[in-house]
Amino acid sequence: MPGKYRNKDPYWEREQPREARTRHVLLSYYPAAGKLQIATIFEKDGQTQRAKVVTLDQEDIALHPEARELILEALEGWR
């Protein structure tokens, strides 16, 4: 079965993300694609490497209100 992105450019190649970086985490937001990537990062050979990338999908979160509420609760608790 062909992959989801075989016949078109992946969103990360079509869109420049808005990014925020902490010491160990990189957040990459792709508003047009409705994606938020969360990756652990580390330095190797002078370059930033991503590991353990998780992508939150806007449509999926919208279809599951309990997931959206849990994310909002966590963020509000960290405020």
PDB file of N, CA and C in Angstrom:
ATOM      1  N   MET A   1       0.839  -1.177   0.000  1.00  0.00           N
ATOM      2  CA  MET A   1       0.000   0.000   0.000  1.00  0.00           C
ATOM      3  C   MET A   1       0.888   1.246   0.000  1.00  0.00           C
ATOM      4  N   PRO A   2       0.647   2.178  -0.912  1.00  0.00           N
ATOM      5  CA  PRO A   2       1.477   3.381  -0.964  1.00  0.00           C
ATOM      6  C   PRO A   2       1.308   4.226   0.288  1.00  0.00           C
ATOM      7  N   GLY A   3       2.386   4.935   0.664  1.00  0.00           N
ATOM      8  CA  GLY A   3       2.345   5.804   1.821  1.00  0.00           C
ATOM      9  C   GLY A   3       1.470   7.018   1.567  1.00  0.00           C
ATOM     10  N   LYS A   4       1.072   7.670   2.634  1.00  0.00           N
ATOM     11  CA  LYS A   4       0.174   8.817   2.561  1.00  0.00           C
ATOM     12  C   LYS A   4       0.750   9.966   1.745  1.00  0.00           C
ATOM     13  N   TYR A   5       2.077  10.138   1.731  1.00  0.00           N
ATOM     14  CA  TYR A   5       2.682  11.296   1.091  1.00  0.00           C
ATOM     15  C   TYR A   5       3.425  10.969  -0.206  1.00  0.00           C
ATOM     16  N   ARG A   6       3.245   9.788  -0.763  1.00  0.00           N
ATOM     17  CA  ARG A   6       4.018   9.417  -1.950  1.00  0.00           C
ATOM     18  C   ARG A   6       3.688  10.242  -3.179  1.00  0.00           C
ATOM     19  N   ASN A   7       2.439  10.650  -3.344  1.00  0.00           N
ATOM     20  CA  ASN A   7       2.036  11.344  -4.563  1.00  0.00           C
ATOM     21  C   ASN A   7       1.973  12.857  -4.414  1.00  0.00           C
ATOM     22  N   LYS A   8       2.414  13.371  -3.275  1.00  0.00           N
ATOM     23  CA  LYS A   8       2.433  14.822  -3.086  1.00  0.00           C
ATOM     24  C   LYS A   8       3.565  15.181  -2.145  1.00  0.00           C
ATOM     25  N   ASP A   9       3.895  16.463  -2.128  1.00  0.00           N
ATOM     26  CA  ASP A   9       4.955  16.923  -1.241  1.00  0.00           C
ATOM     27  C   ASP A   9       4.479  16.870   0.206  1.00  0.00           C
ATOM     28  N   PRO A  10       5.305  16.368   1.102  1.00  0.00           N
ATOM     29  CA  PRO A  10       4.943  16.370   2.524  1.00  0.00           C
ATOM     30  C   PRO A  10       4.784  17.805   3.045  1.00  0.00           C
ATOM     31  N   TYR A  11       3.915  17.965   4.023  1.00  0.00           N
ATOM     32  CA  TYR A  11       3.651  19.308   4.552  1.00  0.00           C
ATOM     33  C   TYR A  11       4.916  19.975   5.067  1.00  0.00           C
ATOM     34  N   TRP A  12       5.846  19.211   5.617  1.00  0.00           N
ATOM     35  CA  TRP A  12       7.077  19.813   6.159  1.00  0.00           C
ATOM     36  C   TRP A  12       7.993  20.309   5.057  1.00  0.00           C
ATOM     37  N   GLU A  13       7.740  19.924   3.818  1.00  0.00           N
ATOM     38  CA  GLU A  13       8.499  20.471   2.683  1.00  0.00           C
ATOM     39  C   GLU A  13       7.753  21.624   2.024  1.00  0.00           C
ATOM     40  N   ARG A  14       6.443  21.676   2.178  1.00  0.00           N
ATOM     41  CA  ARG A  14       5.627  22.735   1.572  1.00  0.00           C
ATOM     42  C   ARG A  14       5.538  23.981   2.443  1.00  0.00           C
ATOM     43  N   GLU A  15       5.656  23.815   3.745  1.00  0.00           N
ATOM     44  CA  GLU A  15       5.359  24.898   4.676  1.00  0.00           C
ATOM     45  C   GLU A  15       6.509  25.118   5.653  1.00  0.00           C
ATOM     46  N   GLN A  16       6.832  26.366   5.886  1.00  0.00           N
ATOM     47  CA  GLN A  16       7.840  26.728   6.871  1.00  0.00           C
ATOM     48  C   GLN A  16       7.147  26.815   8.230  1.00  0.00           C
ATOM     49  N   PRO A  17       7.586  26.043   9.211  1.00  0.00           N
ATOM     50  CA  PRO A  17       6.892  26.053  10.501  1.00  0.00           C
ATOM     51  C   PRO A  17       7.286  27.245  11.367  1.00  0.00           C
ATOM     52  N   ARG A  18       6.404  27.571  12.298  1.00  0.00           N
ATOM     53  CA  ARG A  18       6.759  28.452  13.412  1.00  0.00           C
ATOM     54  C   ARG A  18       7.350  27.526  14.453  1.00  0.00           C
ATOM     55  N   GLU A  19       8.479  27.915  15.043  1.00  0.00           N
ATOM     56  CA  GLU A  19       9.156  27.017  15.969  1.00  0.00           C
ATOM     57  C   GLU A  19       9.478  27.698  17.291  1.00  0.00           C
ATOM     58  N   ALA A  20       9.471  26.875  18.323  1.00  0.00           N
ATOM     59  CA  ALA A  20       9.926  27.289  19.653  1.00  0.00           C
ATOM     60  C   ALA A  20      10.813  26.173  20.162  1.00  0.00           C
ATOM     61  N   ARG A  21      11.907  26.569  20.796  1.00  0.00           N
ATOM     62  CA  ARG A  21      12.898  25.583  21.228  1.00  0.00           C
ATOM     63  C   ARG A  21      13.214  25.780  22.704  1.00  0.00           C
ATOM     64  N   THR A  22      13.294  24.665  23.403  1.00  0.00           N
ATOM     65  CA  THR A  22      13.785  24.672  24.771  1.00  0.00           C
ATOM     66  C   THR A  22      15.117  23.937  24.745  1.00  0.00           C
ATOM     67  N   ARG A  23      15.659  23.660  25.907  1.00  0.00           N
ATOM     68  CA  ARG A  23      16.949  22.969  25.942  1.00  0.00           C
ATOM     69  C   ARG A  23      16.878  21.579  25.295  1.00  0.00           C
ATOM     70  N   HIS A  24      15.761  20.874  25.489  1.00  0.00           N
ATOM     71  CA  HIS A  24      15.663  19.500  25.008  1.00  0.00           C
ATOM     72  C   HIS A  24      14.476  19.223  24.087  1.00  0.00           C
ATOM     73  N   VAL A  25      13.669  20.240  23.803  1.00  0.00           N
ATOM     74  CA  VAL A  25      12.443  20.031  23.018  1.00  0.00           C
ATOM     75  C   VAL A  25      12.339  21.078  21.914  1.00  0.00           C
ATOM     76  N   LEU A  26      11.902  20.619  20.738  1.00  0.00           N
ATOM     77  CA  LEU A  26      11.612  21.521  19.621  1.00  0.00           C
ATOM     78  C   LEU A  26      10.146  21.359  19.258  1.00  0.00           C
ATOM     79  N   LEU A  27       9.409  22.478  19.281  1.00  0.00           N
ATOM     80  CA  LEU A  27       8.017  22.497  18.849  1.00  0.00           C
ATOM     81  C   LEU A  27       7.982  23.128  17.459  1.00  0.00           C
ATOM     82  N   SER A  28       7.339  22.452  16.513  1.00  0.00           N
ATOM     83  CA  SER A  28       7.222  22.959  15.147  1.00  0.00           C
ATOM     84  C   SER A  28       5.745  22.960  14.771  1.00  0.00           C
ATOM     85  N   TYR A  29       5.193  24.156  14.523  1.00  0.00           N
ATOM     86  CA  TYR A  29       3.768  24.314  14.212  1.00  0.00           C
ATOM     87  C   TYR A  29       3.598  24.641  12.734  1.00  0.00           C
ATOM     88  N   TYR A  30       2.797  23.820  12.064  1.00  0.00           N
ATOM     89  CA  TYR A  30       2.483  23.981  10.645  1.00  0.00           C
ATOM     90  C   TYR A  30       0.999  24.326  10.540  1.00  0.00           C
ATOM     91  N   PRO A  31       0.637  25.619  10.603  1.00  0.00           N
ATOM     92  CA  PRO A  31      -0.779  25.987  10.665  1.00  0.00           C
ATOM     93  C   PRO A  31      -1.591  25.578   9.438  1.00  0.00           C
ATOM     94  N   ALA A  32      -1.050  25.708   8.248  1.00  0.00           N
ATOM     95  CA  ALA A  32      -1.805  25.336   7.048  1.00  0.00           C
ATOM     96  C   ALA A  32      -2.093  23.841   7.007  1.00  0.00           C
ATOM     97  N   ALA A  33      -1.168  23.048   7.492  1.00  0.00           N
ATOM     98  CA  ALA A  33      -1.334  21.590   7.504  1.00  0.00           C
ATOM     99  C   ALA A  33      -2.098  21.115   8.735  1.00  0.00           C
ATOM    100  N   GLY A  34      -2.217  21.972   9.752  1.00  0.00           N
ATOM    101  CA  GLY A  34      -2.887  21.574  10.977  1.00  0.00           C
ATOM    102  C   GLY A  34      -2.084  20.550  11.769  1.00  0.00           C
ATOM    103  N   LYS A  35      -0.773  20.753  11.849  1.00  0.00           N
ATOM    104  CA  LYS A  35       0.113  19.806  12.535  1.00  0.00           C
ATOM    105  C   LYS A  35       0.982  20.533  13.554  1.00  0.00           C
ATOM    106  N   LEU A  36       1.188  19.878  14.686  1.00  0.00           N
ATOM    107  CA  LEU A  36       2.124  20.345  15.692  1.00  0.00           C
ATOM    108  C   LEU A  36       3.061  19.194  15.997  1.00  0.00           C
ATOM    109  N   GLN A  37       4.335  19.383  15.664  1.00  0.00           N
ATOM    110  CA  GLN A  37       5.348  18.362  15.945  1.00  0.00           C
ATOM    111  C   GLN A  37       6.063  18.709  17.245  1.00  0.00           C
ATOM    112  N   ILE A  38       6.268  17.690  18.062  1.00  0.00           N
ATOM    113  CA  ILE A  38       7.009  17.826  19.310  1.00  0.00           C
ATOM    114  C   ILE A  38       8.142  16.815  19.237  1.00  0.00           C
ATOM    115  N   ALA A  39       9.370  17.302  19.324  1.00  0.00           N
ATOM    116  CA  ALA A  39      10.534  16.416  19.176  1.00  0.00           C
ATOM    117  C   ALA A  39      11.540  16.674  20.280  1.00  0.00           C
ATOM    118  N   THR A  40      12.137  15.609  20.780  1.00  0.00           N
ATOM    119  CA  THR A  40      13.305  15.791  21.631  1.00  0.00           C
ATOM    120  C   THR A  40      14.473  16.102  20.703  1.00  0.00           C
ATOM    121  N   ILE A  41      15.408  16.914  21.182  1.00  0.00           N
ATOM    122  CA  ILE A  41      16.543  17.306  20.346  1.00  0.00           C
ATOM    123  C   ILE A  41      17.839  17.137  21.124  1.00  0.00           C
ATOM    124  N   PHE A  42      18.916  16.953  20.358  1.00  0.00           N
ATOM    125  CA  PHE A  42      20.249  16.868  20.931  1.00  0.00           C
ATOM    126  C   PHE A  42      21.242  17.322  19.879  1.00  0.00           C
ATOM    127  N   GLU A  43      22.422  17.698  20.315  1.00  0.00           N
ATOM    128  CA  GLU A  43      23.479  18.141  19.403  1.00  0.00           C
ATOM    129  C   GLU A  43      24.394  16.969  19.069  1.00  0.00           C
ATOM    130  N   LYS A  44      24.700  16.817  17.795  1.00  0.00           N
ATOM    131  CA  LYS A  44      25.642  15.790  17.337  1.00  0.00           C
ATOM    132  C   LYS A  44      26.443  16.381  16.188  1.00  0.00           C
ATOM    133  N   ASP A  45      27.737  16.347  16.318  1.00  0.00           N
ATOM    134  CA  ASP A  45      28.633  16.891  15.293  1.00  0.00           C
ATOM    135  C   ASP A  45      28.287  18.340  14.946  1.00  0.00           C
ATOM    136  N   GLY A  46      27.892  19.105  15.972  1.00  0.00           N
ATOM    137  CA  GLY A  46      27.602  20.516  15.770  1.00  0.00           C
ATOM    138  C   GLY A  46      26.248  20.800  15.147  1.00  0.00           C
ATOM    139  N   GLN A  47      25.424  19.799  14.953  1.00  0.00           N
ATOM    140  CA  GLN A  47      24.110  20.003  14.357  1.00  0.00           C
ATOM    141  C   GLN A  47      23.021  19.490  15.292  1.00  0.00           C
ATOM    142  N   THR A  48      21.868  20.149  15.253  1.00  0.00           N
ATOM    143  CA  THR A  48      20.729  19.722  16.048  1.00  0.00           C
ATOM    144  C   THR A  48      20.070  18.520  15.387  1.00  0.00           C
ATOM    145  N   GLN A  49      19.893  17.473  16.169  1.00  0.00           N
ATOM    146  CA  GLN A  49      19.243  16.246  15.690  1.00  0.00           C
ATOM    147  C   GLN A  49      17.898  16.084  16.408  1.00  0.00           C
ATOM    148  N   ARG A  50      16.904  15.641  15.670  1.00  0.00           N
ATOM    149  CA  ARG A  50      15.590  15.359  16.250  1.00  0.00           C
ATOM    150  C   ARG A  50      15.486  13.881  16.574  1.00  0.00           C
ATOM    151  N   ALA A  51      14.777  13.590  17.652  1.00  0.00           N
ATOM    152  CA  ALA A  51      14.511  12.206  18.025  1.00  0.00           C
ATOM    153  C   ALA A  51      13.110  12.152  18.641  1.00  0.00           C
ATOM    154  N   LYS A  52      12.518  10.996  18.623  1.00  0.00           N
ATOM    155  CA  LYS A  52      11.215  10.791  19.264  1.00  0.00           C
ATOM    156  C   LYS A  52      10.221  11.873  18.857  1.00  0.00           C
ATOM    157  N   VAL A  53       9.998  12.040  17.585  1.00  0.00           N
ATOM    158  CA  VAL A  53       9.075  13.057  17.074  1.00  0.00           C
ATOM    159  C   VAL A  53       7.643  12.540  17.173  1.00  0.00           C
ATOM    160  N   VAL A  54       6.784  13.367  17.765  1.00  0.00           N
ATOM    161  CA  VAL A  54       5.358  13.077  17.851  1.00  0.00           C
ATOM    162  C   VAL A  54       4.634  14.196  17.112  1.00  0.00           C
ATOM    163  N   THR A  55       3.662  13.842  16.282  1.00  0.00           N
ATOM    164  CA  THR A  55       2.903  14.835  15.541  1.00  0.00           C
ATOM    165  C   THR A  55       1.453  14.810  15.998  1.00  0.00           C
ATOM    166  N   LEU A  56       0.977  15.960  16.470  1.00  0.00           N
ATOM    167  CA  LEU A  56      -0.433  16.105  16.820  1.00  0.00           C
ATOM    168  C   LEU A  56      -1.151  16.667  15.608  1.00  0.00           C
ATOM    169  N   ASP A  57      -2.258  16.040  15.251  1.00  0.00           N
ATOM    170  CA  ASP A  57      -3.024  16.424  14.073  1.00  0.00           C
ATOM    171  C   ASP A  57      -4.292  17.162  14.508  1.00  0.00           C
ATOM    172  N   GLN A  58      -4.505  18.354  13.972  1.00  0.00           N
ATOM    173  CA  GLN A  58      -5.638  19.192  14.353  1.00  0.00           C
ATOM    174  C   GLN A  58      -6.968  18.468  14.167  1.00  0.00           C
ATOM    175  N   GLU A  59      -7.166  17.809  13.056  1.00  0.00           N
ATOM    176  CA  GLU A  59      -8.425  17.116  12.793  1.00  0.00           C
ATOM    177  C   GLU A  59      -8.652  15.989  13.799  1.00  0.00           C
ATOM    178  N   ASP A  60      -7.617  15.228  14.088  1.00  0.00           N
ATOM    179  CA  ASP A  60      -7.736  14.124  15.030  1.00  0.00           C
ATOM    180  C   ASP A  60      -8.091  14.632  16.424  1.00  0.00           C
ATOM    181  N   ILE A  61      -7.414  15.690  16.866  1.00  0.00           N
ATOM    182  CA  ILE A  61      -7.698  16.254  18.183  1.00  0.00           C
ATOM    183  C   ILE A  61      -9.107  16.839  18.224  1.00  0.00           C
ATOM    184  N   ALA A  62      -9.539  17.480  17.132  1.00  0.00           N
ATOM    185  CA  ALA A  62     -10.897  18.039  17.076  1.00  0.00           C
ATOM    186  C   ALA A  62     -11.961  16.942  17.169  1.00  0.00           C
ATOM    187  N   LEU A  63     -11.675  15.771  16.635  1.00  0.00           N
ATOM    188  CA  LEU A  63     -12.626  14.653  16.669  1.00  0.00           C
ATOM    189  C   LEU A  63     -12.659  13.944  18.020  1.00  0.00           C
ATOM    190  N   HIS A  64     -11.711  14.255  18.887  1.00  0.00           N
ATOM    191  CA  HIS A  64     -11.626  13.607  20.195  1.00  0.00           C
ATOM    192  C   HIS A  64     -11.531  14.678  21.283  1.00  0.00           C
ATOM    193  N   PRO A  65     -12.691  15.204  21.704  1.00  0.00           N
ATOM    194  CA  PRO A  65     -12.700  16.305  22.672  1.00  0.00           C
ATOM    195  C   PRO A  65     -11.970  15.994  23.973  1.00  0.00           C
ATOM    196  N   GLU A  66     -11.949  14.722  24.395  1.00  0.00           N
ATOM    197  CA  GLU A  66     -11.258  14.382  25.640  1.00  0.00           C
ATOM    198  C   GLU A  66      -9.754  14.600  25.498  1.00  0.00           C
ATOM    199  N   ALA A  67      -9.216  14.382  24.308  1.00  0.00           N
ATOM    200  CA  ALA A  67      -7.790  14.630  24.063  1.00  0.00           C
ATOM    201  C   ALA A  67      -7.511  16.130  24.094  1.00  0.00           C
ATOM    202  N   ARG A  68      -8.378  16.907  23.434  1.00  0.00           N
ATOM    203  CA  ARG A  68      -8.212  18.366  23.427  1.00  0.00           C
ATOM    204  C   ARG A  68      -8.280  18.913  24.850  1.00  0.00           C
ATOM    205  N   GLU A  69      -9.231  18.448  25.639  1.00  0.00           N
ATOM    206  CA  GLU A  69      -9.384  18.929  27.014  1.00  0.00           C
ATOM    207  C   GLU A  69      -8.175  18.566  27.864  1.00  0.00           C
ATOM    208  N   LEU A  70      -7.614  17.386  27.669  1.00  0.00           N
ATOM    209  CA  LEU A  70      -6.439  16.980  28.429  1.00  0.00           C
ATOM    210  C   LEU A  70      -5.234  17.863  28.093  1.00  0.00           C
ATOM    211  N   ILE A  71      -5.045  18.164  26.811  1.00  0.00           N
ATOM    212  CA  ILE A  71      -3.957  19.052  26.393  1.00  0.00           C
ATOM    213  C   ILE A  71      -4.137  20.436  27.005  1.00  0.00           C
ATOM    214  N   LEU A  72      -5.357  20.971  26.923  1.00  0.00           N
ATOM    215  CA  LEU A  72      -5.625  22.302  27.481  1.00  0.00           C
ATOM    216  C   LEU A  72      -5.440  22.323  28.999  1.00  0.00           C
ATOM    217  N   GLU A  73      -5.873  21.257  29.672  1.00  0.00           N
ATOM    218  CA  GLU A  73      -5.697  21.166  31.124  1.00  0.00           C
ATOM    219  C   GLU A  73      -4.212  21.182  31.497  1.00  0.00           C
ATOM    220  N   ALA A  74      -3.416  20.425  30.773  1.00  0.00           N
ATOM    221  CA  ALA A  74      -1.981  20.395  31.048  1.00  0.00           C
ATOM    222  C   ALA A  74      -1.359  21.770  30.826  1.00  0.00           C
ATOM    223  N   LEU A  75      -1.667  22.399  29.711  1.00  0.00           N
ATOM    224  CA  LEU A  75      -1.097  23.709  29.421  1.00  0.00           C
ATOM    225  C   LEU A  75      -1.528  24.743  30.441  1.00  0.00           C
ATOM    226  N   GLU A  76      -2.781  24.705  30.843  1.00  0.00           N
ATOM    227  CA  GLU A  76      -3.265  25.656  31.848  1.00  0.00           C
ATOM    228  C   GLU A  76      -2.565  25.417  33.190  1.00  0.00           C
ATOM    229  N   GLY A  77      -2.335  24.159  33.545  1.00  0.00           N
ATOM    230  CA  GLY A  77      -1.635  23.832  34.777  1.00  0.00           C
ATOM    231  C   GLY A  77      -0.195  24.301  34.785  1.00  0.00           C
ATOM    232  N   TRP A  78       0.410  24.380  33.628  1.00  0.00           N
ATOM    233  CA  TRP A  78       1.810  24.829  33.506  1.00  0.00           C
ATOM    234  C   TRP A  78       1.942  26.332  33.444  1.00  0.00           C
ATOM    235  N   ARG A  79       0.842  27.028  33.305  1.00  0.00           N
ATOM    236  CA  ARG A  79       0.846  28.480  33.129  1.00  0.00           C
ATOM    237  C   ARG A  79       1.492  29.191  34.255  1.00  0.00           C
TER     238      ARG A  79
END
